[in-house]
Amino acid sequence: MTYPQNTPSADDMLKMPMGELAQMPVELLAALQGELDHASKQLKAATARFNTALEVRYATRAAEARRACGKDTGTVRLVDGDYTVVADLPKRIEWDQEKLAQIARSISDSGDDPAEFIGIKLTVSERKYTALPEAWRKGFEPARTVGSGKASFKLEPVKAP
């Protein structure tokens, strides 16, 4: 897609008063949106490639430094020339839900409160909620809060009939 010659750059847009930007012809807004989408995709790809390059360069040294500290995960600092490289490998924990439920029952059966150790988050999928009979939905309403996210707008060319 070619863009009009007078399409402002991202830098121009950042300096432009919001009212002036909002009043631009829709064709320029659509062109600017296209340029921003393209730049965003390029930045994501470049960032991923750059992060991979850092991993290739420092992953082995970071793993050795963690091993020397007696740990498999966490943050270590490496020196490379005049720079300190902060290498972080976060710990990611996943719990088997069925086994935790069994453990919770065992704790409860022993007379203790499993809520002291195990958090439980109850949720209802929106698809299942809307499929409930009206009478049931009314019972759920006091526990349900509906909010909204950030509005977004995308300009797309109108398709000819």
Protein backbone atom coordinates (compact mmCIF):
# COMPACT_ATOMS: atom_id res chain seq x y z
CA MET A 1 0.00 0.00 0.00
CA THR A 2 1.44 3.37 -0.96
CA TYR A 3 0.88 6.27 1.37
CA PRO A 4 0.12 9.87 0.43
CA GLN A 5 3.18 12.11 0.27
CA ASN A 6 1.80 14.39 2.99
CA THR A 7 1.30 11.62 5.56
CA PRO A 8 2.92 12.80 8.80
CA SER A 9 5.66 10.64 10.26
CA ALA A 10 5.33 9.14 13.73
CA ASP A 11 7.63 11.91 15.02
CA ASP A 12 5.44 14.56 13.36
CA MET A 13 2.34 12.96 14.89
CA LEU A 14 3.86 13.06 18.40
CA LYS A 15 4.50 16.81 18.07
CA MET A 16 1.10 17.57 16.54
CA PRO A 17 -1.72 18.96 18.74
CA MET A 18 -4.34 16.25 19.39
CA GLY A 19 -7.15 18.34 17.86
CA GLU A 20 -5.15 18.85 14.65
CA LEU A 21 -4.41 15.13 14.46
CA ALA A 22 -8.09 14.28 15.03
CA GLN A 23 -9.18 16.64 12.24
CA MET A 24 -6.89 15.18 9.56
CA PRO A 25 -8.67 13.74 6.50
CA VAL A 26 -9.66 10.11 7.04
CA GLU A 27 -7.39 9.05 4.17
CA LEU A 28 -4.37 10.48 5.99
CA LEU A 29 -5.47 8.91 9.27
CA ALA A 30 -5.79 5.54 7.51
CA ALA A 31 -2.35 5.98 5.90
CA LEU A 32 -0.82 6.95 9.23
CA GLN A 33 -2.45 3.93 10.88
CA GLY A 34 -0.93 1.71 8.19
CA GLU A 35 2.53 3.20 8.73
CA LEU A 36 2.22 2.79 12.51
CA ASP A 37 1.09 -0.84 12.13
CA HIS A 38 4.04 -1.54 9.83
CA ALA A 39 6.49 0.18 12.20
CA SER A 40 5.05 -1.74 15.16
CA LYS A 41 5.53 -5.07 13.37
CA GLN A 42 9.08 -4.13 12.42
CA LEU A 43 9.87 -3.09 15.99
CA LYS A 44 8.47 -6.35 17.38
CA ALA A 45 10.51 -8.41 14.93
CA ALA A 46 13.67 -6.39 15.57
CA THR A 47 13.19 -6.66 19.35
CA ALA A 48 12.72 -10.43 19.15
CA ARG A 49 15.83 -10.78 16.99
CA PHE A 50 17.86 -8.55 19.32
CA ASN A 51 16.74 -10.49 22.41
CA THR A 52 17.68 -13.76 20.71
CA ALA A 53 21.13 -12.33 19.94
CA LEU A 54 21.60 -11.40 23.62
CA GLU A 55 20.50 -14.89 24.64
CA VAL A 56 22.94 -16.50 22.20
CA ARG A 57 25.73 -14.28 23.53
CA TYR A 58 25.09 -14.56 27.28
CA ALA A 59 22.94 -17.65 28.05
CA THR A 60 25.88 -20.02 28.66
CA ARG A 61 27.75 -17.56 30.87
CA ALA A 62 24.58 -16.80 32.81
CA ALA A 63 23.84 -20.50 33.34
CA GLU A 64 27.41 -21.03 34.59
CA ALA A 65 27.08 -18.05 36.95
CA ARG A 66 23.78 -19.40 38.32
CA ARG A 67 25.30 -22.85 38.76
CA ALA A 68 28.24 -21.30 40.65
CA CYS A 69 25.70 -19.68 43.00
CA GLY A 70 23.88 -23.00 43.42
CA LYS A 71 20.69 -21.93 41.69
CA ASP A 72 18.86 -22.83 38.50
CA THR A 73 16.85 -19.64 38.10
CA GLY A 74 17.04 -16.02 39.15
CA THR A 75 19.16 -13.00 38.33
CA VAL A 76 22.91 -12.93 37.84
CA ARG A 77 25.16 -10.10 36.78
CA LEU A 78 27.90 -10.55 34.20
CA VAL A 79 30.57 -8.07 33.18
CA ASP A 80 31.22 -7.50 29.49
CA GLY A 81 33.66 -4.68 28.86
CA ASP A 82 32.30 -1.51 30.38
CA TYR A 83 28.83 -3.01 30.80
CA THR A 84 27.06 -5.12 33.38
CA VAL A 85 24.69 -7.63 31.86
CA VAL A 86 21.74 -8.41 34.09
CA ALA A 87 20.64 -11.91 33.12
CA ASP A 88 17.33 -12.98 34.59
CA LEU A 89 15.74 -16.39 34.27
CA PRO A 90 12.45 -16.20 36.16
CA LYS A 91 11.06 -19.17 38.01
CA ARG A 92 7.74 -20.30 36.56
CA ILE A 93 5.61 -22.48 38.79
CA GLU A 94 2.61 -24.48 37.58
CA TRP A 95 0.41 -26.53 39.87
CA ASP A 96 -1.51 -29.66 38.93
CA GLN A 97 -5.09 -28.63 39.72
CA GLU A 98 -6.38 -32.15 40.37
CA LYS A 99 -3.55 -32.99 42.77
CA LEU A 100 -4.02 -29.68 44.58
CA ALA A 101 -7.74 -30.44 44.95
CA GLN A 102 -6.82 -33.81 46.50
CA ILE A 103 -4.37 -32.09 48.86
CA ALA A 104 -7.05 -29.54 49.81
CA ARG A 105 -9.49 -32.37 50.62
CA SER A 106 -6.83 -34.08 52.75
CA ILE A 107 -6.13 -30.85 54.64
CA SER A 108 -9.85 -30.34 55.17
CA ASP A 109 -10.35 -33.96 56.25
CA SER A 110 -7.61 -33.52 58.86
CA GLY A 111 -9.56 -30.63 60.38
CA ASP A 112 -7.44 -27.76 59.01
CA ASP A 113 -8.50 -25.02 56.62
CA PRO A 114 -7.01 -25.52 53.14
CA ALA A 115 -7.56 -21.81 52.41
CA GLU A 116 -4.58 -21.10 54.68
CA PHE A 117 -2.34 -22.76 52.09
CA ILE A 118 -4.22 -22.92 48.81
CA GLY A 119 -5.82 -19.99 47.00
CA ILE A 120 -8.94 -20.63 45.02
CA LYS A 121 -10.19 -18.28 42.33
CA LEU A 122 -13.74 -18.87 41.23
CA THR A 123 -14.76 -17.63 37.82
CA VAL A 124 -17.58 -18.08 35.34
CA SER A 125 -16.87 -17.91 31.61
CA GLU A 126 -18.98 -15.30 29.84
CA ARG A 127 -20.11 -17.89 27.28
CA LYS A 128 -21.44 -20.17 30.03
CA TYR A 129 -23.00 -17.24 31.89
CA THR A 130 -24.97 -16.12 28.84
CA ALA A 131 -26.09 -19.71 28.23
CA LEU A 132 -27.64 -19.97 31.72
CA PRO A 133 -31.42 -19.78 32.04
CA GLU A 134 -32.64 -16.28 32.92
CA ALA A 135 -33.55 -17.25 36.52
CA TRP A 136 -30.06 -18.62 37.14
CA ARG A 137 -28.38 -15.57 35.60
CA LYS A 138 -30.29 -13.32 38.02
CA GLY A 139 -28.75 -15.28 40.89
CA PHE A 140 -25.25 -14.69 39.53
CA GLU A 141 -25.72 -10.96 38.87
CA PRO A 142 -24.76 -9.74 42.38
CA ALA A 143 -21.34 -11.40 41.97
CA ARG A 144 -20.76 -10.06 38.46
CA THR A 145 -19.19 -6.73 37.58
CA VAL A 146 -18.97 -5.62 33.98
CA GLY A 147 -16.29 -3.12 33.05
CA SER A 148 -14.77 -2.02 29.80
CA GLY A 149 -11.30 -1.98 28.38
CA LYS A 150 -9.53 0.73 26.43
CA ALA A 151 -11.37 1.78 23.30
CA SER A 152 -9.58 1.17 20.02
CA PHE A 153 -10.35 2.25 16.50
CA LYS A 154 -9.09 0.80 13.26
CA LEU A 155 -9.70 2.30 9.86
CA GLU A 156 -10.30 -0.13 7.04
CA PRO A 157 -11.17 0.65 3.44
CA VAL A 158 -14.82 0.22 2.58
CA LYS A 159 -15.40 -2.82 0.39
CA ALA A 160 -17.36 -2.21 -2.77
CA PRO A 161 -20.76 -4.02 -2.88
